[in-house]
Amino acid sequence: MPIPVRSVTKKPSEMMRLFMTTFVGIIFGFFLGISFPTLSLSKMNLPSSLFPSIDLTYIEDKYSGLSKQALFNAWSSLKGNKGISPLLPRYNETEIWVPTNPRGAKRLPPGIVASESDFYLRRLWGLPNEDLTIQPKYLCSLSQLCVLSQFSENFTIVLFHYDGRTTEWDEFEWSKRAIHISAPKQTKWWYAKRFLHPDIIAPYDYIFLWDEDLGVEHFNAEEYIKLVRKHGLEISQPGLDPDRGTTWAMTKRRDGVEVHKDTEEKPGWCTDPHLPPCAAFVEIMATVFSRGAWRCVWHMIQNDLVHGWGLDFAMRKCVEPAHEKIGVVDAQWIVHQGVPSLGSQGEAQKGRAAWEGVRERCRKEWTMFQDRMTNAQKAYFETMGIDPPNSTAR
């Protein structure tokens, strides 16, 4: 016999009573909340699990302009959304934090940040905007002495002294406007890494980084710059007198042309006609860099490899296409005099002359630089999950 089922449907009066009770409770809670405007969250006896990692006193101090109920609701909302970080803003409207500023300067307003500098010599009197009668556009950095009459007032001269002798140059007029930097027994690449940071030489369009044993009787720096601009060279050097001995065919001066960008070398020396030493190549002896190229090359200079051997084969990585933007200026040429002055700064050991130890280190540094470049490229491509190309720093 089937069991009868009793209906449990509520009467309309009961539903109305439930609705009114809920509504009155909400109204009561609202007025109760606004009647305590100074209630401190930190003084409420709330379970610690509700705020496991937040200092409520800190929040109140930091955001005193906001209602406590608003903070409570905001924090509860964040805790309820597990996919959202519960971090509140780390600063208020009176503090400065600019992530795009240089490292270490994020607390400064961008308008006061001076991220670049220069080698302009300043007076100790008068107004700063009146210090410079002419603003040099190019930088010439030399190891010891190179004839400077070919460099106009458009050049800032920085002279690197590796023998400690600085006052001997006082008799020359150009010395009065030069920057003299002295550190015993150091090479120009050691100086360049430490004193020619790209942000320091940012005002200069071109940077000449030259050895000291160069004859410049047939060279004019202003005319050289004109040719570099005309032919779009980012890394260049003057042609070398072929009668005074050269190592590479690429650097020999050619008659009747302004610039050349490639050459033919000995059989087997060039695996690709667009690669060093047949193209995209100049020596480290008398290199001239554009501002942009130098910013890249500076970062490639190794702190401990002071002779710079191997850089000339790798500088092509800093411009694209390298075989078009690296070249030799034939119309403005120099003479490599071959004075072994830096070799004498070495130390005689085990019966060997000082220059022999210097030359041996040069060769070792070249091998070390090649290995570092190859390993760095390999590591990068492995990180990217692709096979590295066959070409290396040579």
Protein backbone atom coordinates (compact mmCIF):
# COMPACT_ATOMS: atom_id res chain seq x y z
CA MET A 1 0.00 0.00 0.00
CA PRO A 2 1.63 3.30 -1.01
CA ILE A 3 2.77 5.71 1.75
CA PRO A 4 1.19 9.20 1.44
CA VAL A 5 3.69 12.16 1.04
CA ARG A 6 2.92 15.36 3.01
CA SER A 7 3.39 18.65 1.17
CA VAL A 8 6.09 20.96 2.67
CA THR A 9 5.35 24.05 0.61
CA LYS A 10 5.65 27.22 2.82
CA LYS A 11 2.83 29.65 3.11
CA PRO A 12 3.20 33.12 1.55
CA SER A 13 3.23 34.73 5.03
CA GLU A 14 6.30 32.69 6.06
CA MET A 15 8.21 33.72 2.91
CA MET A 16 7.49 37.39 3.58
CA ARG A 17 8.66 37.05 7.19
CA LEU A 18 11.98 35.53 6.05
CA PHE A 19 12.55 38.29 3.50
CA MET A 20 11.84 41.07 6.00
CA THR A 21 14.17 39.52 8.58
CA THR A 22 17.02 39.37 6.07
CA PHE A 23 16.45 42.94 4.89
CA VAL A 24 16.37 44.33 8.44
CA GLY A 25 19.58 42.46 9.25
CA ILE A 26 21.39 44.04 6.30
CA ILE A 27 20.22 47.53 7.24
CA PHE A 28 21.22 47.04 10.86
CA GLY A 29 24.68 45.81 9.88
CA PHE A 30 25.25 48.79 7.57
CA PHE A 31 24.38 51.38 10.25
CA LEU A 32 26.39 49.48 12.82
CA GLY A 33 29.46 49.66 10.55
CA ILE A 34 29.32 53.38 9.82
CA SER A 35 28.69 54.21 13.48
CA PHE A 36 32.30 53.23 14.35
CA PRO A 37 34.51 55.32 11.96
CA THR A 38 37.62 55.10 14.13
CA LEU A 39 37.53 51.37 14.64
CA SER A 40 41.08 49.99 14.25
CA LEU A 41 41.46 46.79 12.34
CA SER A 42 44.63 46.04 14.26
CA LYS A 43 42.69 46.16 17.54
CA MET A 44 39.89 43.84 16.43
CA ASN A 45 40.02 40.39 17.91
CA LEU A 46 40.07 38.59 14.58
CA PRO A 47 41.56 35.15 13.96
CA SER A 48 45.16 35.30 12.76
CA SER A 49 44.37 33.04 9.82
CA LEU A 50 42.30 35.84 8.30
CA PHE A 51 45.39 38.07 7.83
CA PRO A 52 48.34 35.67 7.82
CA SER A 53 50.94 37.92 6.19
CA ILE A 54 49.86 41.53 6.47
CA ASP A 55 50.66 44.27 8.95
CA LEU A 56 47.34 46.01 9.49
CA THR A 57 48.89 48.89 11.39
CA TYR A 58 51.14 49.53 8.39
CA ILE A 59 48.14 49.52 6.06
CA GLU A 60 46.30 52.06 8.20
CA ASP A 61 49.31 54.37 8.34
CA LYS A 62 50.01 54.02 4.64
CA TYR A 63 46.44 54.49 3.49
CA SER A 64 45.00 56.71 6.23
CA GLY A 65 42.93 58.55 3.65
CA LEU A 66 40.85 55.46 2.94
CA SER A 67 38.07 54.04 5.12
CA LYS A 68 38.91 50.98 7.17
CA GLN A 69 35.90 49.14 5.76
CA ALA A 70 37.13 49.78 2.21
CA LEU A 71 40.55 48.30 3.03
CA PHE A 72 38.95 45.34 4.74
CA ASN A 73 36.71 44.66 1.76
CA ALA A 74 39.59 45.10 -0.73
CA TRP A 75 41.84 42.71 1.16
CA SER A 76 39.08 40.14 1.56
CA SER A 77 38.37 40.34 -2.16
CA LEU A 78 42.03 39.76 -2.98
CA LYS A 79 42.23 36.80 -0.63
CA GLY A 80 39.19 35.31 -2.33
CA ASN A 81 40.89 35.54 -5.76
CA LYS A 82 43.75 33.08 -5.53
CA GLY A 83 44.98 33.91 -9.02
CA ILE A 84 45.64 37.55 -8.09
CA SER A 85 48.72 38.66 -6.14
CA PRO A 86 47.75 39.96 -2.67
CA LEU A 87 50.43 42.68 -2.85
CA LEU A 88 49.24 46.21 -2.24
CA PRO A 89 51.00 49.20 -3.95
CA ARG A 90 54.48 49.68 -2.56
CA TYR A 91 54.41 53.48 -2.51
CA ASN A 92 52.00 56.33 -2.13
CA GLU A 93 51.43 59.36 -4.28
CA THR A 94 54.21 61.35 -2.59
CA GLU A 95 56.95 58.83 -3.43
CA ILE A 96 58.78 58.33 -6.74
CA TRP A 97 59.50 54.99 -8.35
CA VAL A 98 60.25 54.96 -12.08
CA PRO A 99 61.15 51.42 -13.33
CA THR A 100 62.38 52.78 -16.68
CA ASN A 101 65.09 54.88 -15.03
CA PRO A 102 68.68 53.53 -15.07
CA ARG A 103 69.59 50.96 -12.46
CA GLY A 104 69.94 52.55 -9.05
CA ALA A 105 68.07 55.74 -10.05
CA LYS A 106 64.48 54.50 -9.89
CA ARG A 107 63.64 56.84 -6.99
CA LEU A 108 64.51 59.94 -9.03
CA PRO A 109 62.17 61.93 -11.26
CA PRO A 110 63.20 61.24 -14.88
CA GLY A 111 63.78 64.92 -15.57
CA ILE A 112 66.78 65.05 -13.18
CA VAL A 113 68.46 61.84 -14.36
CA ALA A 114 71.73 62.51 -16.23
CA SER A 115 72.51 59.06 -17.64
CA GLU A 116 75.24 60.27 -20.01
CA SER A 117 78.34 62.41 -19.66
CA ASP A 118 81.28 63.74 -21.71
CA PHE A 119 84.92 64.81 -21.59
CA TYR A 120 84.22 68.53 -21.99
CA LEU A 121 86.53 70.61 -19.84
CA ARG A 122 84.62 73.11 -17.68
CA ARG A 123 85.57 76.41 -16.08
CA LEU A 124 85.38 77.03 -12.34
CA TRP A 125 83.64 80.39 -12.83
CA GLY A 126 80.88 82.01 -14.89
CA LEU A 127 77.76 80.25 -16.14
CA PRO A 128 77.82 76.59 -17.28
CA ASN A 129 76.15 77.38 -20.61
CA GLU A 130 79.01 79.74 -21.40
CA ASP A 131 81.82 77.24 -20.71
CA LEU A 132 82.21 75.90 -24.26
CA THR A 133 83.15 78.22 -27.11
CA ILE A 134 83.02 75.16 -29.36
CA GLN A 135 81.44 71.78 -28.62
CA PRO A 136 83.60 68.92 -29.98
CA LYS A 137 81.73 66.30 -32.01
CA TYR A 138 84.45 63.64 -32.18
CA LEU A 139 86.73 61.90 -29.69
CA CYS A 140 90.34 60.95 -30.34
CA SER A 141 91.83 58.51 -27.83
CA LEU A 142 95.52 57.81 -28.20
CA SER A 143 98.12 55.69 -26.47
CA GLN A 144 100.92 58.16 -25.78
CA LEU A 145 101.73 60.57 -28.63
CA CYS A 146 100.43 60.73 -32.15
CA VAL A 147 100.83 63.93 -34.21
CA LEU A 148 97.73 65.92 -33.27
CA SER A 149 97.91 68.81 -35.69
CA GLN A 150 95.60 66.86 -38.02
CA PHE A 151 92.79 66.93 -35.43
CA SER A 152 90.79 70.17 -35.24
CA GLU A 153 88.96 71.75 -32.32
CA ASN A 154 86.01 69.52 -33.22
CA PHE A 155 87.91 66.74 -31.43
CA THR A 156 88.25 66.08 -27.73
CA ILE A 157 91.69 64.60 -27.16
CA VAL A 158 92.18 61.90 -24.52
CA LEU A 159 95.78 60.82 -24.06
CA PHE A 160 96.54 57.49 -22.33
CA HIS A 161 99.94 57.38 -20.64
CA TYR A 162 101.29 53.90 -19.99
CA ASP A 163 104.78 55.05 -18.98
CA GLY A 164 103.78 57.47 -16.22
CA ARG A 165 105.16 60.50 -18.06
CA THR A 166 102.55 63.25 -18.27
CA THR A 167 104.25 66.61 -17.63
CA GLU A 168 106.59 66.26 -20.64
CA TRP A 169 103.71 67.24 -22.92
CA ASP A 170 103.13 70.62 -21.28
CA GLU A 171 105.29 72.38 -23.86
CA PHE A 172 102.75 71.57 -26.60
CA GLU A 173 99.74 73.85 -27.01
CA TRP A 174 97.36 70.95 -27.75
CA SER A 175 98.25 69.37 -24.41
CA LYS A 176 96.43 72.16 -22.59
CA ARG A 177 93.09 71.04 -24.00
CA ALA A 178 93.73 67.29 -23.70
CA ILE A 179 92.55 64.87 -21.02
CA HIS A 180 95.55 63.03 -19.59
CA ILE A 181 95.02 59.61 -17.97
CA SER A 182 97.96 57.71 -16.54
CA ALA A 183 98.27 54.10 -15.39
CA PRO A 184 101.65 52.34 -15.72
CA LYS A 185 102.02 49.46 -18.16
CA GLN A 186 98.42 49.36 -19.39
CA THR A 187 97.16 49.03 -22.97
CA LYS A 188 94.69 51.23 -24.82
CA TRP A 189 92.01 48.52 -24.53
CA TRP A 190 92.43 48.47 -20.76
CA TYR A 191 91.93 52.25 -20.76
CA ALA A 192 89.03 52.08 -23.20
CA LYS A 193 87.09 49.58 -21.10
CA ARG A 194 87.45 51.73 -17.99
CA PHE A 195 87.31 55.29 -19.29
CA LEU A 196 85.36 55.21 -22.55
CA HIS A 197 82.02 53.83 -21.41
CA PRO A 198 79.36 54.49 -24.09
CA ASP A 199 77.40 56.73 -21.73
CA ILE A 200 80.51 58.83 -21.08
CA ILE A 201 81.28 59.44 -24.75
CA ALA A 202 77.67 59.68 -25.90
CA PRO A 203 77.99 63.26 -27.27
CA TYR A 204 80.61 62.22 -29.83
CA ASP A 205 79.60 61.05 -33.31
CA TYR A 206 82.85 59.14 -33.90
CA ILE A 207 85.53 57.67 -31.64
CA PHE A 208 89.13 57.29 -32.83
CA LEU A 209 90.97 54.62 -30.82
CA TRP A 210 94.53 54.66 -32.11
CA ASP A 211 97.98 53.32 -31.32
CA GLU A 212 100.85 55.69 -30.72
CA ASP A 213 103.17 54.72 -33.59
CA LEU A 214 101.21 56.14 -36.52
CA GLY A 215 102.44 58.67 -39.06
CA VAL A 216 99.66 61.08 -40.05
CA GLU A 217 101.36 63.39 -42.56
CA HIS A 218 98.88 62.29 -45.26
CA PHE A 219 95.85 62.32 -43.00
CA ASN A 220 93.19 64.93 -42.23
CA ALA A 221 90.60 63.95 -39.63
CA GLU A 222 87.79 66.22 -40.89
CA GLU A 223 88.13 64.91 -44.45
CA TYR A 224 88.22 61.38 -43.12
CA ILE A 225 84.89 61.89 -41.32
CA LYS A 226 83.33 63.21 -44.53
CA LEU A 227 84.28 60.03 -46.40
CA VAL A 228 83.09 57.79 -43.57
CA ARG A 229 79.68 59.48 -43.66
CA LYS A 230 79.54 59.39 -47.46
CA HIS A 231 80.15 55.64 -47.62
CA GLY A 232 78.09 54.69 -44.57
CA LEU A 233 80.95 53.19 -42.56
CA GLU A 234 80.21 52.38 -38.92
CA ILE A 235 83.63 50.82 -38.23
CA SER A 236 86.65 51.90 -40.28
CA GLN A 237 90.33 52.67 -40.41
CA PRO A 238 92.63 54.70 -42.67
CA GLY A 239 94.50 52.78 -45.33
CA LEU A 240 98.06 51.76 -44.42
CA ASP A 241 101.08 52.58 -46.53
CA PRO A 242 101.74 49.25 -48.30
CA ASP A 243 105.47 49.96 -48.50
CA ARG A 244 105.94 49.94 -44.72
CA GLY A 245 104.81 46.36 -44.12
CA THR A 246 101.26 45.18 -43.40
CA THR A 247 99.77 41.97 -42.06
CA TRP A 248 96.46 41.91 -43.90
CA ALA A 249 95.67 42.68 -47.52
CA MET A 250 92.43 44.36 -46.44
CA THR A 251 94.20 47.23 -44.66
CA LYS A 252 96.58 48.18 -47.51
CA ARG A 253 95.91 51.54 -49.12
CA ARG A 254 94.69 51.44 -52.73
CA ASP A 255 95.41 54.16 -55.24
CA GLY A 256 92.62 55.96 -57.05
CA VAL A 257 89.72 55.02 -54.73
CA GLU A 258 88.15 56.68 -51.71
CA VAL A 259 87.15 53.54 -49.80
CA HIS A 260 87.30 49.78 -50.18
CA LYS A 261 85.29 47.17 -48.28
CA ASP A 262 86.67 43.81 -49.44
CA THR A 263 89.80 42.16 -50.73
CA GLU A 264 91.37 38.88 -51.82
CA GLU A 265 93.60 37.10 -49.36
CA LYS A 266 95.92 34.13 -49.44
CA PRO A 267 94.32 30.80 -50.45
CA GLY A 268 92.36 29.25 -47.60
CA TRP A 269 92.27 32.37 -45.43
CA CYS A 270 88.67 33.29 -46.20
CA THR A 271 85.86 30.79 -45.86
CA ASP A 272 83.35 33.37 -47.12
CA PRO A 273 84.04 36.49 -49.25
CA HIS A 274 81.82 38.53 -46.88
CA LEU A 275 83.70 37.46 -43.74
CA PRO A 276 87.09 38.44 -42.22
CA PRO A 277 89.76 38.86 -43.26
CA CYS A 278 88.40 39.37 -46.80
CA ALA A 279 85.55 41.70 -45.75
CA ALA A 280 83.82 43.10 -42.65
CA PHE A 281 87.29 43.61 -41.22
CA VAL A 282 89.71 46.32 -40.04
CA GLU A 283 92.60 46.04 -37.63
CA ILE A 284 92.61 47.18 -33.98
CA MET A 285 95.58 49.44 -34.68
CA ALA A 286 93.78 52.61 -35.86
CA THR A 287 90.08 51.88 -35.59
CA VAL A 288 87.35 54.51 -35.88
CA PHE A 289 83.88 53.72 -34.50
CA SER A 290 80.53 55.39 -34.86
CA ARG A 291 78.74 56.07 -31.59
CA GLY A 292 76.35 53.16 -32.12
CA ALA A 293 79.04 50.68 -33.11
CA TRP A 294 81.19 51.60 -30.13
CA ARG A 295 78.32 50.96 -27.71
CA CYS A 296 78.27 47.35 -28.92
CA VAL A 297 82.04 46.86 -29.18
CA TRP A 298 82.63 48.27 -25.69
CA HIS A 299 80.46 45.54 -24.21
CA MET A 300 82.45 42.92 -26.13
CA ILE A 301 85.81 44.05 -24.70
CA GLN A 302 86.84 41.64 -21.95
CA ASN A 303 88.12 43.14 -18.70
CA ASP A 304 91.07 40.78 -18.37
CA LEU A 305 92.08 40.52 -22.05
CA VAL A 306 94.01 43.75 -22.30
CA HIS A 307 95.62 43.46 -25.74
CA GLY A 308 92.39 43.27 -27.74
CA TRP A 309 93.63 40.54 -30.08
CA GLY A 310 90.70 38.85 -31.79
CA LEU A 311 88.38 41.84 -31.52
CA ASP A 312 89.01 42.79 -35.14
CA PHE A 313 87.54 39.47 -36.31
CA ALA A 314 84.48 39.83 -34.04
CA MET A 315 83.55 43.50 -34.47
CA ARG A 316 81.41 42.55 -37.46
CA LYS A 317 78.82 41.27 -34.98
CA CYS A 318 78.08 44.87 -34.00
CA VAL A 319 76.89 46.15 -37.41
CA GLU A 320 74.62 44.75 -40.10
CA PRO A 321 75.36 44.13 -42.92
CA ALA A 322 78.96 44.11 -41.77
CA HIS A 323 80.54 43.77 -45.23
CA GLU A 324 78.87 47.07 -46.19
CA LYS A 325 79.43 49.03 -42.96
CA ILE A 326 83.06 48.12 -42.23
CA GLY A 327 85.77 49.39 -44.55
CA VAL A 328 89.11 51.08 -45.16
CA VAL A 329 89.42 54.75 -46.18
CA ASP A 330 92.11 54.93 -48.86
CA ALA A 331 91.96 58.66 -49.63
CA GLN A 332 93.10 59.45 -46.07
CA TRP A 333 95.97 57.18 -45.17
CA ILE A 334 98.55 56.69 -42.45
CA VAL A 335 101.93 55.05 -41.94
CA HIS A 336 102.47 52.30 -39.39
CA GLN A 337 105.91 53.14 -38.06
CA GLY A 338 106.25 49.87 -36.16
CA VAL A 339 107.81 51.30 -32.99
CA PRO A 340 107.71 48.47 -30.39
CA SER A 341 107.14 50.79 -27.43
CA LEU A 342 104.52 48.70 -25.62
CA GLY A 343 106.70 45.60 -25.78
CA SER A 344 109.28 47.34 -23.62
CA GLN A 345 106.66 47.65 -20.89
CA GLY A 346 106.81 43.89 -20.29
CA GLU A 347 109.06 42.02 -17.91
CA ALA A 348 112.06 39.87 -18.81
CA GLN A 349 111.67 36.36 -17.41
CA LYS A 350 113.58 33.09 -17.68
CA GLY A 351 116.13 34.52 -20.07
CA ARG A 352 113.53 35.90 -22.47
CA ALA A 353 113.29 39.54 -23.50
CA ALA A 354 110.42 41.64 -22.18
CA TRP A 355 108.76 41.95 -25.59
CA GLU A 356 108.64 38.17 -25.99
CA GLY A 357 106.43 37.78 -22.94
CA VAL A 358 104.12 40.51 -24.21
CA ARG A 359 103.78 38.90 -27.62
CA GLU A 360 103.11 35.49 -26.08
CA ARG A 361 100.29 36.92 -23.99
CA CYS A 362 98.80 38.56 -27.09
CA ARG A 363 98.53 35.19 -28.79
CA LYS A 364 97.09 33.51 -25.71
CA GLU A 365 94.48 36.24 -25.34
CA TRP A 366 93.39 35.77 -28.96
CA THR A 367 92.75 32.07 -28.34
CA MET A 368 90.94 32.81 -25.08
CA PHE A 369 88.71 35.41 -26.74
CA GLN A 370 87.84 33.00 -29.56
CA ASP A 371 86.89 30.32 -27.04
CA ARG A 372 84.75 32.71 -25.01
CA MET A 373 82.89 33.96 -28.06
CA THR A 374 82.28 30.43 -29.36
CA ASN A 375 81.06 29.20 -25.98
CA ALA A 376 78.83 32.24 -25.47
CA GLN A 377 77.21 31.75 -28.87
CA LYS A 378 76.72 28.04 -28.25
CA ALA A 379 75.14 28.66 -24.85
CA TYR A 380 72.77 31.24 -26.29
CA PHE A 381 71.54 29.05 -29.12
CA GLU A 382 71.11 26.09 -26.79
CA THR A 383 68.99 28.25 -24.51
CA MET A 384 66.87 29.23 -27.49
CA GLY A 385 66.54 25.59 -28.51
CA ILE A 386 68.09 26.01 -31.97
CA ASP A 387 71.25 24.71 -33.62
CA PRO A 388 74.12 27.24 -33.63
CA PRO A 389 75.54 28.36 -36.99
CA ASN A 390 78.99 27.22 -38.03
CA SER A 391 80.55 30.69 -37.99
CA THR A 392 82.46 31.79 -34.87
CA ALA A 393 84.79 34.61 -33.91
CA ARG A 394 87.38 32.71 -36.04
